[in-house]
Amino acid sequence: MTRIASKFGGSSVADHHQFRKIRDILERDSRRKIVVVSAPGKRHSGEAKLTDLLYLCHELAQKKMPVDDPFSLIRNRFVEIESGLDLKAGIEPEMEEFRHQIFNGADRDFIASRGE
């Protein structure tokens, strides 16, 4: 059987409602066996891009400045997605570990990749 790779990112993974749409797309075609998901996009025009917030966290950490505000936006987005999908994936401890990695000198590419 032929396999189809499907990539979703940006606004198509912006929140848990969008993830449910992805599920429906995947369930409609059993050939869709490979799924690649990239960083969640904006939910509305006034919102910062998740990747931009990750870059901001890196910049602030490099300057030994607090990352609390942008990091809270990142953490909250992933927690909302997890909660909205009724998952118990343990995202909160992962996010706390990520916060420590930012403070301990993780490089820019590593930090940006965590949005994926």
N, C-alpha and C. Protein backbone atom coordinates (compact mmCIF):
# COMPACT_ATOMS: atom_id res chain seq x y z
N MET A 1 0.83 -1.18 0.00
CA MET A 1 0.00 0.00 0.00
C MET A 1 0.88 1.25 0.00
N THR A 2 0.49 2.24 -0.73
CA THR A 2 1.19 3.50 -0.80
C THR A 2 1.00 4.27 0.50
N ARG A 3 2.08 4.88 0.96
CA ARG A 3 1.99 5.73 2.16
C ARG A 3 2.07 7.18 1.74
N ILE A 4 1.33 8.00 2.41
CA ILE A 4 1.34 9.44 2.15
C ILE A 4 1.88 10.12 3.39
N ALA A 5 2.85 11.01 3.18
CA ALA A 5 3.36 11.84 4.27
C ALA A 5 2.56 13.14 4.28
N SER A 6 2.16 13.55 5.47
CA SER A 6 1.37 14.76 5.62
C SER A 6 2.08 15.68 6.60
N LYS A 7 2.26 16.95 6.20
CA LYS A 7 2.91 17.91 7.08
C LYS A 7 1.90 18.99 7.46
N PHE A 8 1.86 19.29 8.75
CA PHE A 8 0.96 20.31 9.26
C PHE A 8 1.78 21.26 10.13
N GLY A 9 1.52 22.53 9.99
CA GLY A 9 2.22 23.52 10.81
C GLY A 9 1.49 24.84 10.76
N GLY A 10 2.02 25.81 11.49
CA GLY A 10 1.43 27.14 11.50
C GLY A 10 0.03 27.14 12.05
N SER A 11 -0.87 27.81 11.31
CA SER A 11 -2.25 27.94 11.80
C SER A 11 -2.98 26.59 11.85
N SER A 12 -2.52 25.59 11.10
CA SER A 12 -3.20 24.30 11.13
C SER A 12 -2.91 23.51 12.40
N VAL A 13 -1.97 23.96 13.23
CA VAL A 13 -1.70 23.35 14.53
C VAL A 13 -1.72 24.40 15.64
N ALA A 14 -2.46 25.47 15.42
CA ALA A 14 -2.45 26.60 16.35
C ALA A 14 -3.10 26.31 17.69
N ASP A 15 -4.07 25.38 17.70
CA ASP A 15 -4.74 25.06 18.96
C ASP A 15 -5.34 23.66 18.87
N HIS A 16 -5.97 23.22 19.97
CA HIS A 16 -6.49 21.85 20.00
C HIS A 16 -7.60 21.62 18.99
N HIS A 17 -8.36 22.66 18.64
CA HIS A 17 -9.41 22.51 17.63
C HIS A 17 -8.79 22.14 16.28
N GLN A 18 -7.67 22.78 15.98
CA GLN A 18 -6.99 22.50 14.71
C GLN A 18 -6.43 21.08 14.70
N PHE A 19 -5.93 20.60 15.83
CA PHE A 19 -5.43 19.23 15.91
C PHE A 19 -6.55 18.22 15.65
N ARG A 20 -7.74 18.54 16.10
CA ARG A 20 -8.88 17.65 15.83
C ARG A 20 -9.20 17.60 14.34
N LYS A 21 -9.04 18.73 13.65
CA LYS A 21 -9.24 18.76 12.20
C LYS A 21 -8.19 17.88 11.51
N ILE A 22 -6.96 17.94 12.01
CA ILE A 22 -5.90 17.10 11.45
C ILE A 22 -6.26 15.63 11.63
N ARG A 23 -6.73 15.29 12.82
CA ARG A 23 -7.14 13.90 13.07
C ARG A 23 -8.18 13.45 12.05
N ASP A 24 -9.15 14.32 11.78
CA ASP A 24 -10.20 13.97 10.83
C ASP A 24 -9.63 13.77 9.43
N ILE A 25 -8.70 14.61 9.03
CA ILE A 25 -8.05 14.47 7.72
C ILE A 25 -7.32 13.14 7.63
N LEU A 26 -6.58 12.81 8.67
CA LEU A 26 -5.81 11.57 8.68
C LEU A 26 -6.73 10.34 8.66
N GLU A 27 -7.82 10.41 9.39
CA GLU A 27 -8.73 9.26 9.47
C GLU A 27 -9.49 9.03 8.16
N ARG A 28 -9.60 10.06 7.33
CA ARG A 28 -10.32 9.92 6.06
C ARG A 28 -9.51 9.17 5.00
N ASP A 29 -8.21 9.03 5.20
CA ASP A 29 -7.38 8.35 4.20
C ASP A 29 -6.34 7.49 4.92
N SER A 30 -6.54 6.20 4.91
CA SER A 30 -5.65 5.27 5.64
C SER A 30 -4.24 5.25 5.07
N ARG A 31 -4.02 5.83 3.90
CA ARG A 31 -2.66 5.89 3.34
C ARG A 31 -1.81 6.95 4.04
N ARG A 32 -2.44 7.84 4.75
CA ARG A 32 -1.70 8.90 5.47
C ARG A 32 -1.09 8.28 6.73
N LYS A 33 0.11 7.75 6.55
CA LYS A 33 0.79 7.00 7.62
C LYS A 33 1.88 7.81 8.32
N ILE A 34 2.41 8.80 7.63
CA ILE A 34 3.53 9.59 8.16
C ILE A 34 3.02 11.01 8.39
N VAL A 35 3.18 11.48 9.62
CA VAL A 35 2.70 12.82 9.97
C VAL A 35 3.87 13.62 10.53
N VAL A 36 4.07 14.79 9.98
CA VAL A 36 5.10 15.71 10.43
C VAL A 36 4.39 16.98 10.90
N VAL A 37 4.69 17.38 12.12
CA VAL A 37 4.06 18.58 12.69
C VAL A 37 5.14 19.59 13.00
N SER A 38 4.93 20.83 12.57
CA SER A 38 5.87 21.89 12.92
C SER A 38 5.23 22.84 13.92
N ALA A 39 5.89 23.93 14.19
CA ALA A 39 5.49 24.84 15.27
C ALA A 39 4.08 25.40 15.10
N PRO A 40 3.36 25.50 16.21
CA PRO A 40 2.03 26.12 16.16
C PRO A 40 2.13 27.58 15.71
N GLY A 41 1.18 27.98 14.88
CA GLY A 41 1.14 29.36 14.40
C GLY A 41 0.24 30.22 15.26
N LYS A 42 -0.02 31.39 14.75
CA LYS A 42 -0.88 32.35 15.45
C LYS A 42 -2.32 31.88 15.45
N ARG A 43 -3.01 32.15 16.56
CA ARG A 43 -4.44 31.88 16.64
C ARG A 43 -5.25 33.10 16.21
N HIS A 44 -4.63 34.28 16.32
CA HIS A 44 -5.27 35.53 15.90
C HIS A 44 -4.18 36.53 15.55
N SER A 45 -4.55 37.58 14.87
CA SER A 45 -3.56 38.52 14.32
C SER A 45 -2.71 39.22 15.36
N GLY A 46 -3.20 39.42 16.56
CA GLY A 46 -2.44 40.13 17.58
C GLY A 46 -1.45 39.28 18.35
N GLU A 47 -1.40 38.01 18.04
CA GLU A 47 -0.57 37.07 18.79
C GLU A 47 0.83 36.95 18.17
N ALA A 48 1.84 36.80 19.02
CA ALA A 48 3.21 36.59 18.54
C ALA A 48 3.37 35.16 18.05
N LYS A 49 4.22 34.97 17.05
CA LYS A 49 4.53 33.63 16.57
C LYS A 49 5.33 32.90 17.65
N LEU A 50 5.04 31.64 17.82
CA LEU A 50 5.73 30.84 18.83
C LEU A 50 7.24 30.83 18.58
N THR A 51 7.65 30.69 17.34
CA THR A 51 9.09 30.66 17.03
C THR A 51 9.74 31.99 17.40
N ASP A 52 9.05 33.09 17.16
CA ASP A 52 9.60 34.40 17.55
C ASP A 52 9.76 34.49 19.07
N LEU A 53 8.82 33.94 19.81
CA LEU A 53 8.93 33.93 21.27
C LEU A 53 10.11 33.08 21.73
N LEU A 54 10.35 31.99 21.04
CA LEU A 54 11.49 31.14 21.38
C LEU A 54 12.80 31.88 21.13
N TYR A 55 12.88 32.56 20.00
CA TYR A 55 14.09 33.36 19.73
C TYR A 55 14.27 34.46 20.78
N LEU A 56 13.17 35.07 21.19
CA LEU A 56 13.23 36.11 22.23
C LEU A 56 13.76 35.53 23.54
N CYS A 57 13.30 34.35 23.90
CA CYS A 57 13.80 33.69 25.13
C CYS A 57 15.30 33.51 25.05
N HIS A 58 15.79 33.09 23.89
CA HIS A 58 17.24 32.90 23.73
C HIS A 58 17.98 34.22 23.90
N GLU A 59 17.48 35.26 23.24
CA GLU A 59 18.12 36.58 23.34
C GLU A 59 18.18 37.06 24.80
N LEU A 60 17.06 36.96 25.49
CA LEU A 60 17.01 37.41 26.87
C LEU A 60 17.94 36.60 27.76
N ALA A 61 17.94 35.28 27.58
CA ALA A 61 18.82 34.43 28.39
C ALA A 61 20.29 34.76 28.15
N GLN A 62 20.64 35.05 26.90
CA GLN A 62 22.02 35.42 26.58
C GLN A 62 22.44 36.70 27.30
N LYS A 63 21.49 37.57 27.53
CA LYS A 63 21.75 38.84 28.22
C LYS A 63 21.53 38.73 29.72
N LYS A 64 21.26 37.49 30.18
CA LYS A 64 21.00 37.24 31.61
C LYS A 64 19.79 38.01 32.11
N MET A 65 18.80 38.16 31.24
CA MET A 65 17.56 38.85 31.59
C MET A 65 16.46 37.81 31.79
N PRO A 66 15.41 38.16 32.54
CA PRO A 66 14.31 37.20 32.76
C PRO A 66 13.58 36.85 31.46
N VAL A 67 13.18 35.60 31.37
CA VAL A 67 12.44 35.12 30.20
C VAL A 67 10.99 34.80 30.57
N ASP A 68 10.59 35.18 31.77
CA ASP A 68 9.29 34.79 32.30
C ASP A 68 8.11 35.10 31.37
N ASP A 69 8.03 36.31 30.87
CA ASP A 69 6.87 36.69 30.06
C ASP A 69 6.77 35.90 28.76
N PRO A 70 7.80 35.90 27.91
CA PRO A 70 7.64 35.12 26.67
C PRO A 70 7.55 33.62 26.93
N PHE A 71 8.27 33.14 27.94
CA PHE A 71 8.23 31.70 28.21
C PHE A 71 6.83 31.28 28.69
N SER A 72 6.17 32.12 29.46
CA SER A 72 4.81 31.81 29.92
C SER A 72 3.86 31.65 28.74
N LEU A 73 4.00 32.49 27.75
CA LEU A 73 3.15 32.39 26.55
C LEU A 73 3.39 31.07 25.83
N ILE A 74 4.65 30.66 25.74
CA ILE A 74 5.00 29.39 25.08
C ILE A 74 4.43 28.21 25.88
N ARG A 75 4.74 28.19 27.17
CA ARG A 75 4.28 27.10 28.03
C ARG A 75 2.76 27.00 28.00
N ASN A 76 2.08 28.13 28.15
CA ASN A 76 0.63 28.12 28.19
C ASN A 76 0.03 27.57 26.90
N ARG A 77 0.64 27.88 25.78
CA ARG A 77 0.11 27.40 24.50
C ARG A 77 0.16 25.88 24.45
N PHE A 78 1.30 25.30 24.82
CA PHE A 78 1.42 23.84 24.77
C PHE A 78 0.54 23.16 25.83
N VAL A 79 0.41 23.78 26.99
CA VAL A 79 -0.46 23.23 28.03
C VAL A 79 -1.92 23.26 27.57
N GLU A 80 -2.32 24.35 26.93
CA GLU A 80 -3.69 24.45 26.42
C GLU A 80 -3.97 23.38 25.36
N ILE A 81 -3.03 23.14 24.48
CA ILE A 81 -3.21 22.11 23.46
C ILE A 81 -3.34 20.74 24.12
N GLU A 82 -2.45 20.45 25.06
CA GLU A 82 -2.51 19.17 25.76
C GLU A 82 -3.86 19.01 26.47
N SER A 83 -4.27 20.02 27.19
CA SER A 83 -5.51 19.96 27.95
C SER A 83 -6.72 19.86 27.02
N GLY A 84 -6.74 20.66 25.97
CA GLY A 84 -7.86 20.66 25.04
C GLY A 84 -8.04 19.34 24.31
N LEU A 85 -6.98 18.57 24.19
CA LEU A 85 -7.05 17.26 23.56
C LEU A 85 -7.25 16.14 24.59
N ASP A 86 -7.45 16.52 25.85
CA ASP A 86 -7.62 15.55 26.94
C ASP A 86 -6.46 14.57 27.02
N LEU A 87 -5.25 15.09 26.83
CA LEU A 87 -4.04 14.27 26.92
C LEU A 87 -3.39 14.46 28.28
N LYS A 88 -2.65 13.48 28.67
CA LYS A 88 -1.83 13.57 29.88
C LYS A 88 -0.41 13.19 29.48
N ALA A 89 0.15 14.01 28.60
CA ALA A 89 1.47 13.74 28.03
C ALA A 89 2.60 14.22 28.93
N GLY A 90 2.27 14.97 29.98
CA GLY A 90 3.31 15.45 30.89
C GLY A 90 4.07 16.64 30.34
N ILE A 91 3.37 17.55 29.68
CA ILE A 91 4.04 18.69 29.05
C ILE A 91 4.63 19.66 30.08
N GLU A 92 3.98 19.82 31.23
CA GLU A 92 4.47 20.80 32.21
C GLU A 92 5.89 20.49 32.69
N PRO A 93 6.19 19.24 33.11
CA PRO A 93 7.58 18.97 33.51
C PRO A 93 8.57 19.13 32.36
N GLU A 94 8.13 18.80 31.15
CA GLU A 94 8.99 18.97 29.98
C GLU A 94 9.30 20.45 29.76
N MET A 95 8.30 21.28 29.95
CA MET A 95 8.49 22.71 29.77
C MET A 95 9.43 23.27 30.84
N GLU A 96 9.32 22.76 32.05
CA GLU A 96 10.22 23.22 33.12
C GLU A 96 11.66 22.82 32.80
N GLU A 97 11.84 21.61 32.31
CA GLU A 97 13.18 21.17 31.89
C GLU A 97 13.70 22.06 30.77
N PHE A 98 12.85 22.40 29.83
CA PHE A 98 13.23 23.27 28.72
C PHE A 98 13.65 24.65 29.24
N ARG A 99 12.92 25.16 30.21
CA ARG A 99 13.27 26.46 30.80
C ARG A 99 14.69 26.42 31.37
N HIS A 100 15.02 25.33 32.05
CA HIS A 100 16.38 25.18 32.59
C HIS A 100 17.41 25.11 31.47
N GLN A 101 17.09 24.46 30.40
CA GLN A 101 18.01 24.37 29.26
C GLN A 101 18.28 25.75 28.68
N ILE A 102 17.24 26.57 28.60
CA ILE A 102 17.42 27.95 28.11
C ILE A 102 18.40 28.69 29.01
N PHE A 103 18.20 28.61 30.32
CA PHE A 103 19.06 29.32 31.27
C PHE A 103 20.47 28.75 31.31
N ASN A 104 20.62 27.49 30.95
CA ASN A 104 21.95 26.87 31.00
C ASN A 104 22.69 26.93 29.68
N GLY A 105 22.28 27.84 28.80
CA GLY A 105 23.07 28.11 27.61
C GLY A 105 22.72 27.33 26.36
N ALA A 106 21.51 26.75 26.28
CA ALA A 106 21.12 26.06 25.04
C ALA A 106 21.25 27.04 23.88
N ASP A 107 21.72 26.52 22.74
CA ASP A 107 21.92 27.44 21.62
C ASP A 107 20.60 27.77 20.92
N ARG A 108 20.66 28.78 20.09
CA ARG A 108 19.49 29.36 19.43
C ARG A 108 18.72 28.32 18.62
N ASP A 109 19.42 27.50 17.86
CA ASP A 109 18.75 26.50 17.03
C ASP A 109 18.05 25.46 17.88
N PHE A 110 18.68 25.01 18.96
CA PHE A 110 18.06 24.05 19.87
C PHE A 110 16.76 24.63 20.43
N ILE A 111 16.83 25.88 20.88
CA ILE A 111 15.66 26.50 21.49
C ILE A 111 14.54 26.64 20.47
N ALA A 112 14.86 27.11 19.27
CA ALA A 112 13.83 27.25 18.23
C ALA A 112 13.22 25.92 17.85
N SER A 113 14.02 24.87 17.87
CA SER A 113 13.52 23.54 17.46
C SER A 113 12.50 22.99 18.44
N ARG A 114 12.45 23.48 19.67
CA ARG A 114 11.50 22.98 20.65
C ARG A 114 10.08 23.37 20.30
N GLY A 115 9.89 24.31 19.40
CA GLY A 115 8.55 24.65 18.95
C GLY A 115 7.98 23.63 17.98
N GLU A 116 8.84 22.83 17.42
CA GLU A 116 8.41 21.86 16.41
C GLU A 116 7.76 20.65 17.02
